[in-house]
Amino acid sequence: MSRLALQSALAAWVMMTGCGAIAESDIEKGAAIAADPDQGNCLSCHFVPGGEMTGTVAPPLIQMKLRYPDKSRLREQIWDATVRNPESVMPPYGRHAVLSEQQIDWILEYVYSL
């Protein structure tokens, strides 16, 4: 599945399921970054519902509200996973400025919607 097809599928899923108070465009932006191999590239390691050829070496990104009832802890994990797990191979997206704070917020909204 191409990146564009994946983004379209994720956007359709977002619109079908609804997103509460969060703007759909923020979730869509996060989904695009998560799927982009030149940005977040989350799908290379994590299983994501609706994703094609997703990774299996990291925890699946499902039921995130149950796994992270405190949304700020999930953001901290995305910002720098090595804080809680120094052996983590997840890139420290914030600490190394791989992604901007805004991009991290968009990914947070997307991942939290899963």
PDB file of N, CA and C in Angstrom:
ATOM      1  N   MET A   1       0.855  -1.175   0.000  1.00  0.00           N
ATOM      2  CA  MET A   1       0.000   0.000   0.000  1.00  0.00           C
ATOM      3  C   MET A   1       0.899   1.235   0.000  1.00  0.00           C
ATOM      4  N   SER A   2       0.615   2.161  -0.876  1.00  0.00           N
ATOM      5  CA  SER A   2       1.395   3.385  -0.949  1.00  0.00           C
ATOM      6  C   SER A   2       1.112   4.265   0.263  1.00  0.00           C
ATOM      7  N   ARG A   3       1.989   5.223   0.488  1.00  0.00           N
ATOM      8  CA  ARG A   3       1.809   6.151   1.598  1.00  0.00           C
ATOM      9  C   ARG A   3       0.505   6.925   1.428  1.00  0.00           C
ATOM     10  N   LEU A   4       0.209   7.357   0.210  1.00  0.00           N
ATOM     11  CA  LEU A   4      -1.020   8.097  -0.047  1.00  0.00           C
ATOM     12  C   LEU A   4      -2.249   7.239   0.241  1.00  0.00           C
ATOM     13  N   ALA A   5      -2.211   5.973  -0.173  1.00  0.00           N
ATOM     14  CA  ALA A   5      -3.337   5.071   0.091  1.00  0.00           C
ATOM     15  C   ALA A   5      -3.511   4.852   1.588  1.00  0.00           C
ATOM     16  N   LEU A   6      -2.395   4.704   2.316  1.00  0.00           N
ATOM     17  CA  LEU A   6      -2.461   4.518   3.759  1.00  0.00           C
ATOM     18  C   LEU A   6      -3.042   5.760   4.426  1.00  0.00           C
ATOM     19  N   GLN A   7      -2.586   6.935   4.004  1.00  0.00           N
ATOM     20  CA  GLN A   7      -3.101   8.170   4.578  1.00  0.00           C
ATOM     21  C   GLN A   7      -4.600   8.303   4.311  1.00  0.00           C
ATOM     22  N   SER A   8      -5.033   7.932   3.109  1.00  0.00           N
ATOM     23  CA  SER A   8      -6.454   8.002   2.769  1.00  0.00           C
ATOM     24  C   SER A   8      -7.267   7.035   3.614  1.00  0.00           C
ATOM     25  N   ALA A   9      -6.739   5.819   3.799  1.00  0.00           N
ATOM     26  CA  ALA A   9      -7.442   4.824   4.624  1.00  0.00           C
ATOM     27  C   ALA A   9      -7.541   5.294   6.066  1.00  0.00           C
ATOM     28  N   LEU A  10      -6.457   5.866   6.589  1.00  0.00           N
ATOM     29  CA  LEU A  10      -6.477   6.355   7.963  1.00  0.00           C
ATOM     30  C   LEU A  10      -7.433   7.533   8.106  1.00  0.00           C
ATOM     31  N   ALA A  11      -7.452   8.413   7.130  1.00  0.00           N
ATOM     32  CA  ALA A  11      -8.371   9.550   7.176  1.00  0.00           C
ATOM     33  C   ALA A  11      -9.819   9.068   7.160  1.00  0.00           C
ATOM     34  N   ALA A  12     -10.121   8.064   6.332  1.00  0.00           N
ATOM     35  CA  ALA A  12     -11.480   7.516   6.278  1.00  0.00           C
ATOM     36  C   ALA A  12     -11.856   6.895   7.611  1.00  0.00           C
ATOM     37  N   TRP A  13     -10.922   6.169   8.219  1.00  0.00           N
ATOM     38  CA  TRP A  13     -11.184   5.558   9.522  1.00  0.00           C
ATOM     39  C   TRP A  13     -11.473   6.621  10.566  1.00  0.00           C
ATOM     40  N   VAL A  14     -10.697   7.697  10.562  1.00  0.00           N
ATOM     41  CA  VAL A  14     -10.894   8.779  11.515  1.00  0.00           C
ATOM     42  C   VAL A  14     -12.282   9.378  11.355  1.00  0.00           C
ATOM     43  N   MET A  15     -12.689   9.592  10.128  1.00  0.00           N
ATOM     44  CA  MET A  15     -13.994  10.205   9.903  1.00  0.00           C
ATOM     45  C   MET A  15     -15.136   9.268  10.272  1.00  0.00           C
ATOM     46  N   MET A  16     -14.955   7.967  10.080  1.00  0.00           N
ATOM     47  CA  MET A  16     -16.012   7.005  10.418  1.00  0.00           C
ATOM     48  C   MET A  16     -16.159   6.846  11.919  1.00  0.00           C
ATOM     49  N   THR A  17     -15.070   6.903  12.665  1.00  0.00           N
ATOM     50  CA  THR A  17     -15.131   6.635  14.093  1.00  0.00           C
ATOM     51  C   THR A  17     -15.349   7.876  14.934  1.00  0.00           C
ATOM     52  N   GLY A  18     -15.077   9.048  14.411  1.00  0.00           N
ATOM     53  CA  GLY A  18     -15.220  10.282  15.179  1.00  0.00           C
ATOM     54  C   GLY A  18     -14.037  10.472  16.103  1.00  0.00           C
ATOM     55  N   CYS A  19     -13.811  11.700  16.517  1.00  0.00           N
ATOM     56  CA  CYS A  19     -12.596  11.998  17.278  1.00  0.00           C
ATOM     57  C   CYS A  19     -12.840  12.862  18.498  1.00  0.00           C
ATOM     58  N   GLY A  20     -14.051  13.037  18.918  1.00  0.00           N
ATOM     59  CA  GLY A  20     -14.298  13.846  20.095  1.00  0.00           C
ATOM     60  C   GLY A  20     -13.909  15.293  19.857  1.00  0.00           C
ATOM     61  N   ALA A  21     -13.207  15.888  20.837  1.00  0.00           N
ATOM     62  CA  ALA A  21     -12.866  17.302  20.784  1.00  0.00           C
ATOM     63  C   ALA A  21     -11.637  17.589  19.934  1.00  0.00           C
ATOM     64  N   ILE A  22     -10.900  16.587  19.558  1.00  0.00           N
ATOM     65  CA  ILE A  22      -9.678  16.785  18.780  1.00  0.00           C
ATOM     66  C   ILE A  22     -10.036  16.969  17.307  1.00  0.00           C
ATOM     67  N   ALA A  23      -9.449  17.974  16.699  1.00  0.00           N
ATOM     68  CA  ALA A  23      -9.702  18.219  15.275  1.00  0.00           C
ATOM     69  C   ALA A  23      -9.213  17.041  14.451  1.00  0.00           C
ATOM     70  N   GLU A  24     -10.032  16.604  13.510  1.00  0.00           N
ATOM     71  CA  GLU A  24      -9.649  15.477  12.657  1.00  0.00           C
ATOM     72  C   GLU A  24      -8.371  15.766  11.904  1.00  0.00           C
ATOM     73  N   SER A  25      -8.162  17.006  11.534  1.00  0.00           N
ATOM     74  CA  SER A  25      -6.965  17.334  10.764  1.00  0.00           C
ATOM     75  C   SER A  25      -5.695  17.067  11.567  1.00  0.00           C
ATOM     76  N   ASP A  26      -5.712  17.259  12.880  1.00  0.00           N
ATOM     77  CA  ASP A  26      -4.533  16.965  13.700  1.00  0.00           C
ATOM     78  C   ASP A  26      -4.234  15.468  13.702  1.00  0.00           C
ATOM     79  N   ILE A  27      -5.273  14.648  13.793  1.00  0.00           N
ATOM     80  CA  ILE A  27      -5.085  13.199  13.767  1.00  0.00           C
ATOM     81  C   ILE A  27      -4.583  12.767  12.399  1.00  0.00           C
ATOM     82  N   GLU A  28      -5.136  13.353  11.354  1.00  0.00           N
ATOM     83  CA  GLU A  28      -4.685  13.034  10.002  1.00  0.00           C
ATOM     84  C   GLU A  28      -3.222  13.426   9.796  1.00  0.00           C
ATOM     85  N   LYS A  29      -2.842  14.586  10.309  1.00  0.00           N
ATOM     86  CA  LYS A  29      -1.444  15.020  10.203  1.00  0.00           C
ATOM     87  C   LYS A  29      -0.540  14.047  10.946  1.00  0.00           C
ATOM     88  N   GLY A  30      -0.961  13.623  12.133  1.00  0.00           N
ATOM     89  CA  GLY A  30      -0.177  12.656  12.904  1.00  0.00           C
ATOM     90  C   GLY A  30      -0.058  11.326  12.195  1.00  0.00           C
ATOM     91  N   ALA A  31      -1.156  10.874  11.579  1.00  0.00           N
ATOM     92  CA  ALA A  31      -1.139   9.612  10.831  1.00  0.00           C
ATOM     93  C   ALA A  31      -0.159   9.696   9.662  1.00  0.00           C
ATOM     94  N   ALA A  32      -0.148  10.835   8.988  1.00  0.00           N
ATOM     95  CA  ALA A  32       0.761  11.007   7.853  1.00  0.00           C
ATOM     96  C   ALA A  32       2.221  10.966   8.303  1.00  0.00           C
ATOM     97  N   ILE A  33       2.524  11.616   9.411  1.00  0.00           N
ATOM     98  CA  ILE A  33       3.897  11.613   9.930  1.00  0.00           C
ATOM     99  C   ILE A  33       4.282  10.214  10.385  1.00  0.00           C
ATOM    100  N   ALA A  34       3.362   9.535  11.063  1.00  0.00           N
ATOM    101  CA  ALA A  34       3.638   8.180  11.554  1.00  0.00           C
ATOM    102  C   ALA A  34       3.934   7.219  10.412  1.00  0.00           C
ATOM    103  N   ALA A  35       3.285   7.420   9.273  1.00  0.00           N
ATOM    104  CA  ALA A  35       3.464   6.528   8.126  1.00  0.00           C
ATOM    105  C   ALA A  35       4.639   6.920   7.236  1.00  0.00           C
ATOM    106  N   ASP A  36       5.149   8.120   7.406  1.00  0.00           N
ATOM    107  CA  ASP A  36       6.200   8.640   6.520  1.00  0.00           C
ATOM    108  C   ASP A  36       7.574   8.115   6.930  1.00  0.00           C
ATOM    109  N   PRO A  37       8.236   7.347   6.057  1.00  0.00           N
ATOM    110  CA  PRO A  37       9.559   6.812   6.401  1.00  0.00           C
ATOM    111  C   PRO A  37      10.627   7.884   6.595  1.00  0.00           C
ATOM    112  N   ASP A  38      10.365   9.102   6.133  1.00  0.00           N
ATOM    113  CA  ASP A  38      11.329  10.185   6.303  1.00  0.00           C
ATOM    114  C   ASP A  38      11.036  11.044   7.532  1.00  0.00           C
ATOM    115  N   GLN A  39       9.983  10.708   8.274  1.00  0.00           N
ATOM    116  CA  GLN A  39       9.645  11.487   9.468  1.00  0.00           C
ATOM    117  C   GLN A  39       9.519  10.552  10.666  1.00  0.00           C
ATOM    118  N   GLY A  40       8.279  10.270  11.099  1.00  0.00           N
ATOM    119  CA  GLY A  40       8.075   9.433  12.277  1.00  0.00           C
ATOM    120  C   GLY A  40       8.431   7.979  12.053  1.00  0.00           C
ATOM    121  N   ASN A  41       7.965   7.457  10.921  1.00  0.00           N
ATOM    122  CA  ASN A  41       8.250   6.068  10.539  1.00  0.00           C
ATOM    123  C   ASN A  41       7.807   5.066  11.605  1.00  0.00           C
ATOM    124  N   CYS A  42       6.754   5.364  12.319  1.00  0.00           N
ATOM    125  CA  CYS A  42       6.277   4.509  13.413  1.00  0.00           C
ATOM    126  C   CYS A  42       5.896   3.115  12.923  1.00  0.00           C
ATOM    127  N   LEU A  43       5.361   3.040  11.697  1.00  0.00           N
ATOM    128  CA  LEU A  43       4.882   1.766  11.184  1.00  0.00           C
ATOM    129  C   LEU A  43       5.999   0.784  10.862  1.00  0.00           C
ATOM    130  N   SER A  44       7.230   1.243  10.843  1.00  0.00           N
ATOM    131  CA  SER A  44       8.324   0.311  10.583  1.00  0.00           C
ATOM    132  C   SER A  44       8.544  -0.626  11.767  1.00  0.00           C
ATOM    133  N   CYS A  45       8.147  -0.217  12.957  1.00  0.00           N
ATOM    134  CA  CYS A  45       8.340  -1.041  14.157  1.00  0.00           C
ATOM    135  C   CYS A  45       7.034  -1.461  14.825  1.00  0.00           C
ATOM    136  N   HIS A  46       6.001  -0.621  14.742  1.00  0.00           N
ATOM    137  CA  HIS A  46       4.742  -0.859  15.447  1.00  0.00           C
ATOM    138  C   HIS A  46       3.651  -1.346  14.499  1.00  0.00           C
ATOM    139  N   PHE A  47       2.841  -2.289  14.983  1.00  0.00           N
ATOM    140  CA  PHE A  47       1.596  -2.636  14.292  1.00  0.00           C
ATOM    141  C   PHE A  47       0.612  -1.498  14.522  1.00  0.00           C
ATOM    142  N   VAL A  48      -0.066  -1.080  13.467  1.00  0.00           N
ATOM    143  CA  VAL A  48      -1.093  -0.047  13.544  1.00  0.00           C
ATOM    144  C   VAL A  48      -2.326  -0.569  12.815  1.00  0.00           C
ATOM    145  N   PRO A  49      -3.497  -0.509  13.447  1.00  0.00           N
ATOM    146  CA  PRO A  49      -4.706  -0.973  12.775  1.00  0.00           C
ATOM    147  C   PRO A  49      -4.877  -0.285  11.421  1.00  0.00           C
ATOM    148  N   GLY A  50      -5.169  -1.071  10.410  1.00  0.00           N
ATOM    149  CA  GLY A  50      -5.369  -0.522   9.075  1.00  0.00           C
ATOM    150  C   GLY A  50      -4.089  -0.316   8.294  1.00  0.00           C
ATOM    151  N   GLY A  51      -2.952  -0.451   8.943  1.00  0.00           N
ATOM    152  CA  GLY A  51      -1.680  -0.278   8.252  1.00  0.00           C
ATOM    153  C   GLY A  51      -1.301  -1.539   7.499  1.00  0.00           C
ATOM    154  N   GLU A  52      -0.536  -1.363   6.464  1.00  0.00           N
ATOM    155  CA  GLU A  52      -0.071  -2.498   5.693  1.00  0.00           C
ATOM    156  C   GLU A  52       1.440  -2.581   5.841  1.00  0.00           C
ATOM    157  N   MET A  53       1.939  -3.791   6.006  1.00  0.00           N
ATOM    158  CA  MET A  53       3.369  -4.033   6.188  1.00  0.00           C
ATOM    159  C   MET A  53       3.895  -3.275   7.405  1.00  0.00           C
ATOM    160  N   THR A  54       3.155  -3.357   8.510  1.00  0.00           N
ATOM    161  CA  THR A  54       3.580  -2.701   9.741  1.00  0.00           C
ATOM    162  C   THR A  54       4.566  -3.591  10.475  1.00  0.00           C
ATOM    163  N   GLY A  55       5.307  -2.996  11.384  1.00  0.00           N
ATOM    164  CA  GLY A  55       6.324  -3.726  12.128  1.00  0.00           C
ATOM    165  C   GLY A  55       5.742  -4.552  13.258  1.00  0.00           C
ATOM    166  N   THR A  56       6.584  -5.439  13.759  1.00  0.00           N
ATOM    167  CA  THR A  56       6.180  -6.300  14.878  1.00  0.00           C
ATOM    168  C   THR A  56       7.236  -6.325  15.982  1.00  0.00           C
ATOM    169  N   VAL A  57       8.244  -5.473  15.905  1.00  0.00           N
ATOM    170  CA  VAL A  57       9.324  -5.505  16.894  1.00  0.00           C
ATOM    171  C   VAL A  57       9.049  -4.614  18.097  1.00  0.00           C
ATOM    172  N   ALA A  58       8.023  -3.789  18.011  1.00  0.00           N
ATOM    173  CA  ALA A  58       7.661  -2.894  19.107  1.00  0.00           C
ATOM    174  C   ALA A  58       6.205  -3.157  19.480  1.00  0.00           C
ATOM    175  N   PRO A  59       5.761  -2.670  20.629  1.00  0.00           N
ATOM    176  CA  PRO A  59       4.367  -2.909  21.027  1.00  0.00           C
ATOM    177  C   PRO A  59       3.389  -2.389  19.980  1.00  0.00           C
ATOM    178  N   PRO A  60       2.278  -3.100  19.770  1.00  0.00           N
ATOM    179  CA  PRO A  60       1.274  -2.614  18.817  1.00  0.00           C
ATOM    180  C   PRO A  60       0.631  -1.330  19.342  1.00  0.00           C
ATOM    181  N   LEU A  61       0.293  -0.454  18.445  1.00  0.00           N
ATOM    182  CA  LEU A  61      -0.347   0.806  18.820  1.00  0.00           C
ATOM    183  C   LEU A  61      -1.857   0.615  18.766  1.00  0.00           C
ATOM    184  N   ILE A  62      -2.361  -0.058  19.794  1.00  0.00           N
ATOM    185  CA  ILE A  62      -3.792  -0.318  19.935  1.00  0.00           C
ATOM    186  C   ILE A  62      -4.195  -0.039  21.379  1.00  0.00           C
ATOM    187  N   GLN A  63      -5.436   0.329  21.571  1.00  0.00           N
ATOM    188  CA  GLN A  63      -5.989   0.597  22.904  1.00  0.00           C
ATOM    189  C   GLN A  63      -5.102   1.555  23.708  1.00  0.00           C
ATOM    190  N   MET A  64      -4.667   2.599  23.054  1.00  0.00           N
ATOM    191  CA  MET A  64      -3.709   3.505  23.674  1.00  0.00           C
ATOM    192  C   MET A  64      -4.284   4.279  24.852  1.00  0.00           C
ATOM    193  N   LYS A  65      -5.570   4.598  24.830  1.00  0.00           N
ATOM    194  CA  LYS A  65      -6.170   5.303  25.968  1.00  0.00           C
ATOM    195  C   LYS A  65      -6.183   4.423  27.211  1.00  0.00           C
ATOM    196  N   LEU A  66      -6.324   3.112  27.022  1.00  0.00           N
ATOM    197  CA  LEU A  66      -6.262   2.190  28.162  1.00  0.00           C
ATOM    198  C   LEU A  66      -4.832   2.023  28.655  1.00  0.00           C
ATOM    199  N   ARG A  67      -3.900   1.962  27.738  1.00  0.00           N
ATOM    200  CA  ARG A  67      -2.500   1.770  28.105  1.00  0.00           C
ATOM    201  C   ARG A  67      -1.874   3.024  28.693  1.00  0.00           C
ATOM    202  N   TYR A  68      -2.358   4.189  28.252  1.00  0.00           N
ATOM    203  CA  TYR A  68      -1.830   5.470  28.727  1.00  0.00           C
ATOM    204  C   TYR A  68      -2.991   6.378  29.139  1.00  0.00           C
ATOM    205  N   PRO A  69      -3.615   6.103  30.285  1.00  0.00           N
ATOM    206  CA  PRO A  69      -4.712   6.967  30.717  1.00  0.00           C
ATOM    207  C   PRO A  69      -4.254   8.420  30.904  1.00  0.00           C
ATOM    208  N   ASP A  70      -2.979   8.593  31.268  1.00  0.00           N
ATOM    209  CA  ASP A  70      -2.387   9.927  31.378  1.00  0.00           C
ATOM    210  C   ASP A  70      -1.706  10.229  30.048  1.00  0.00           C
ATOM    211  N   LYS A  71      -2.371  11.031  29.241  1.00  0.00           N
ATOM    212  CA  LYS A  71      -1.894  11.330  27.886  1.00  0.00           C
ATOM    213  C   LYS A  71      -0.488  11.932  27.891  1.00  0.00           C
ATOM    214  N   SER A  72      -0.150  12.683  28.926  1.00  0.00           N
ATOM    215  CA  SER A  72       1.174  13.314  28.982  1.00  0.00           C
ATOM    216  C   SER A  72       2.291  12.272  29.066  1.00  0.00           C
ATOM    217  N   ARG A  73       2.002  11.120  29.657  1.00  0.00           N
ATOM    218  CA  ARG A  73       3.020  10.059  29.716  1.00  0.00           C
ATOM    219  C   ARG A  73       3.292   9.470  28.335  1.00  0.00           C
ATOM    220  N   LEU A  74       2.259   9.365  27.519  1.00  0.00           N
ATOM    221  CA  LEU A  74       2.458   8.903  26.150  1.00  0.00           C
ATOM    222  C   LEU A  74       3.290   9.920  25.376  1.00  0.00           C
ATOM    223  N   ARG A  75       3.020  11.202  25.580  1.00  0.00           N
ATOM    224  CA  ARG A  75       3.813  12.227  24.896  1.00  0.00           C
ATOM    225  C   ARG A  75       5.275  12.137  25.321  1.00  0.00           C
ATOM    226  N   GLU A  76       5.520  11.935  26.611  1.00  0.00           N
ATOM    227  CA  GLU A  76       6.897  11.778  27.100  1.00  0.00           C
ATOM    228  C   GLU A  76       7.572  10.575  26.436  1.00  0.00           C
ATOM    229  N   GLN A  77       6.826   9.512  26.238  1.00  0.00           N
ATOM    230  CA  GLN A  77       7.357   8.308  25.600  1.00  0.00           C
ATOM    231  C   GLN A  77       7.764   8.598  24.161  1.00  0.00           C
ATOM    232  N   ILE A  78       6.932   9.333  23.447  1.00  0.00           N
ATOM    233  CA  ILE A  78       7.249   9.689  22.069  1.00  0.00           C
ATOM    234  C   ILE A  78       8.434  10.659  22.048  1.00  0.00           C
ATOM    235  N   TRP A  79       8.451  11.610  22.959  1.00  0.00           N
ATOM    236  CA  TRP A  79       9.508  12.619  23.001  1.00  0.00           C
ATOM    237  C   TRP A  79      10.864  11.970  23.250  1.00  0.00           C
ATOM    238  N   ASP A  80      10.926  11.033  24.220  1.00  0.00           N
ATOM    239  CA  ASP A  80      12.184  10.330  24.499  1.00  0.00           C
ATOM    240  C   ASP A  80      11.907   9.061  25.298  1.00  0.00           C
ATOM    241  N   ALA A  81      11.815   7.948  24.595  1.00  0.00           N
ATOM    242  CA  ALA A  81      11.515   6.660  25.227  1.00  0.00           C
ATOM    243  C   ALA A  81      12.639   6.179  26.138  1.00  0.00           C
ATOM    244  N   THR A  82      13.838   6.708  25.965  1.00  0.00           N
ATOM    245  CA  THR A  82      14.966   6.246  26.783  1.00  0.00           C
ATOM    246  C   THR A  82      14.902   6.753  28.218  1.00  0.00           C
ATOM    247  N   VAL A  83      14.026   7.707  28.505  1.00  0.00           N
ATOM    248  CA  VAL A  83      13.882   8.194  29.881  1.00  0.00           C
ATOM    249  C   VAL A  83      13.398   7.062  30.788  1.00  0.00           C
ATOM    250  N   ARG A  84      12.380   6.345  30.337  1.00  0.00           N
ATOM    251  CA  ARG A  84      11.833   5.236  31.134  1.00  0.00           C
ATOM    252  C   ARG A  84      12.539   3.915  30.856  1.00  0.00           C
ATOM    253  N   ASN A  85      13.133   3.802  29.663  1.00  0.00           N
ATOM    254  CA  ASN A  85      13.826   2.571  29.289  1.00  0.00           C
ATOM    255  C   ASN A  85      15.115   2.933  28.551  1.00  0.00           C
ATOM    256  N   PRO A  86      16.228   3.020  29.279  1.00  0.00           N
ATOM    257  CA  PRO A  86      17.492   3.408  28.650  1.00  0.00           C
ATOM    258  C   PRO A  86      17.926   2.476  27.516  1.00  0.00           C
ATOM    259  N   GLU A  87      17.388   1.265  27.468  1.00  0.00           N
ATOM    260  CA  GLU A  87      17.747   0.302  26.416  1.00  0.00           C
ATOM    261  C   GLU A  87      16.833   0.391  25.194  1.00  0.00           C
ATOM    262  N   SER A  88      15.882   1.313  25.221  1.00  0.00           N
ATOM    263  CA  SER A  88      14.933   1.434  24.117  1.00  0.00           C
ATOM    264  C   SER A  88      15.650   1.776  22.815  1.00  0.00           C
ATOM    265  N   VAL A  89      15.174   1.180  21.733  1.00  0.00           N
ATOM    266  CA  VAL A  89      15.719   1.501  20.414  1.00  0.00           C
ATOM    267  C   VAL A  89      14.840   2.528  19.692  1.00  0.00           C
ATOM    268  N   MET A  90      13.759   2.944  20.344  1.00  0.00           N
ATOM    269  CA  MET A  90      12.903   3.967  19.753  1.00  0.00           C
ATOM    270  C   MET A  90      13.670   5.287  19.726  1.00  0.00           C
ATOM    271  N   PRO A  91      13.685   5.946  18.569  1.00  0.00           N
ATOM    272  CA  PRO A  91      14.409   7.217  18.488  1.00  0.00           C
ATOM    273  C   PRO A  91      13.830   8.250  19.449  1.00  0.00           C
ATOM    274  N   PRO A  92      14.668   9.025  20.100  1.00  0.00           N
ATOM    275  CA  PRO A  92      14.179  10.112  20.964  1.00  0.00           C
ATOM    276  C   PRO A  92      13.782  11.313  20.092  1.00  0.00           C
ATOM    277  N   TYR A  93      12.574  11.251  19.546  1.00  0.00           N
ATOM    278  CA  TYR A  93      12.118  12.214  18.547  1.00  0.00           C
ATOM    279  C   TYR A  93      12.229  13.665  19.002  1.00  0.00           C
ATOM    280  N   GLY A  94      11.929  13.931  20.250  1.00  0.00           N
ATOM    281  CA  GLY A  94      12.002  15.304  20.752  1.00  0.00           C
ATOM    282  C   GLY A  94      13.403  15.696  21.162  1.00  0.00           C
ATOM    283  N   ARG A  95      14.033  14.860  21.967  1.00  0.00           N
ATOM    284  CA  ARG A  95      15.363  15.182  22.486  1.00  0.00           C
ATOM    285  C   ARG A  95      16.371  15.395  21.363  1.00  0.00           C
ATOM    286  N   HIS A  96      16.277  14.629  20.303  1.00  0.00           N
ATOM    287  CA  HIS A  96      17.194  14.777  19.172  1.00  0.00           C
ATOM    288  C   HIS A  96      16.651  15.688  18.079  1.00  0.00           C
ATOM    289  N   ALA A  97      15.517  16.330  18.345  1.00  0.00           N
ATOM    290  CA  ALA A  97      14.885  17.250  17.389  1.00  0.00           C
ATOM    291  C   ALA A  97      14.651  16.600  16.023  1.00  0.00           C
ATOM    292  N   VAL A  98      14.307  15.313  16.050  1.00  0.00           N
ATOM    293  CA  VAL A  98      13.942  14.613  14.819  1.00  0.00           C
ATOM    294  C   VAL A  98      12.615  15.172  14.312  1.00  0.00           C
ATOM    295  N   LEU A  99      11.707  15.434  15.244  1.00  0.00           N
ATOM    296  CA  LEU A  99      10.404  16.021  14.933  1.00  0.00           C
ATOM    297  C   LEU A  99      10.229  17.287  15.770  1.00  0.00           C
ATOM    298  N   SER A 100       9.455  18.218  15.251  1.00  0.00           N
ATOM    299  CA  SER A 100       9.156  19.433  16.011  1.00  0.00           C
ATOM    300  C   SER A 100       8.159  19.110  17.123  1.00  0.00           C
ATOM    301  N   GLU A 101       8.014  20.029  18.046  1.00  0.00           N
ATOM    302  CA  GLU A 101       7.036  19.853  19.119  1.00  0.00           C
ATOM    303  C   GLU A 101       5.632  19.714  18.525  1.00  0.00           C
ATOM    304  N   GLN A 102       5.318  20.480  17.485  1.00  0.00           N
ATOM    305  CA  GLN A 102       4.004  20.402  16.838  1.00  0.00           C
ATOM    306  C   GLN A 102       3.802  19.030  16.202  1.00  0.00           C
ATOM    307  N   GLN A 103       4.825  18.512  15.523  1.00  0.00           N
ATOM    308  CA  GLN A 103       4.712  17.189  14.905  1.00  0.00           C
ATOM    309  C   GLN A 103       4.509  16.112  15.969  1.00  0.00           C
ATOM    310  N   ILE A 104       5.192  16.241  17.084  1.00  0.00           N
ATOM    311  CA  ILE A 104       5.014  15.277  18.182  1.00  0.00           C
ATOM    312  C   ILE A 104       3.583  15.350  18.706  1.00  0.00           C
ATOM    313  N   ASP A 105       3.037  16.556  18.819  1.00  0.00           N
ATOM    314  CA  ASP A 105       1.649  16.698  19.269  1.00  0.00           C
ATOM    315  C   ASP A 105       0.682  16.042  18.290  1.00  0.00           C
ATOM    316  N   TRP A 106       0.931  16.185  16.994  1.00  0.00           N
ATOM    317  CA  TRP A 106       0.066  15.553  15.997  1.00  0.00           C
ATOM    318  C   TRP A 106       0.150  14.035  16.087  1.00  0.00           C
ATOM    319  N   ILE A 107       1.362  13.508  16.231  1.00  0.00           N
ATOM    320  CA  ILE A 107       1.517  12.051  16.386  1.00  0.00           C
ATOM    321  C   ILE A 107       0.821  11.601  17.666  1.00  0.00           C
ATOM    322  N   LEU A 108       0.955  12.370  18.734  1.00  0.00           N
ATOM    323  CA  LEU A 108       0.297  12.034  19.984  1.00  0.00           C
ATOM    324  C   LEU A 108      -1.210  11.918  19.780  1.00  0.00           C
ATOM    325  N   GLU A 109      -1.822  12.867  19.104  1.00  0.00           N
ATOM    326  CA  GLU A 109      -3.267  12.817  18.879  1.00  0.00           C
ATOM    327  C   GLU A 109      -3.652  11.610  18.046  1.00  0.00           C
ATOM    328  N   TYR A 110      -2.845  11.308  17.029  1.00  0.00           N
ATOM    329  CA  TYR A 110      -3.120  10.143  16.187  1.00  0.00           C
ATOM    330  C   TYR A 110      -2.990   8.854  16.997  1.00  0.00           C
ATOM    331  N   VAL A 111      -1.877   8.667  17.663  1.00  0.00           N
ATOM    332  CA  VAL A 111      -1.639   7.435  18.411  1.00  0.00           C
ATOM    333  C   VAL A 111      -2.675   7.286  19.519  1.00  0.00           C
ATOM    334  N   TYR A 112      -3.024   8.378  20.180  1.00  0.00           N
ATOM    335  CA  TYR A 112      -4.009   8.315  21.270  1.00  0.00           C
ATOM    336  C   TYR A 112      -5.397   7.963  20.749  1.00  0.00           C
ATOM    337  N   SER A 113      -5.637   8.196  19.457  1.00  0.00           N
ATOM    338  CA  SER A 113      -6.941   7.861  18.881  1.00  0.00           C
ATOM    339  C   SER A 113      -7.048   6.374  18.545  1.00  0.00           C
ATOM    340  N   LEU A 114      -5.937   5.662  18.579  1.00  0.00           N
ATOM    341  CA  LEU A 114      -5.948   4.233  18.199  1.00  0.00           C
ATOM    342  C   LEU A 114      -6.449   3.368  19.339  1.00  0.00           C
TER     343      LEU A 114
END
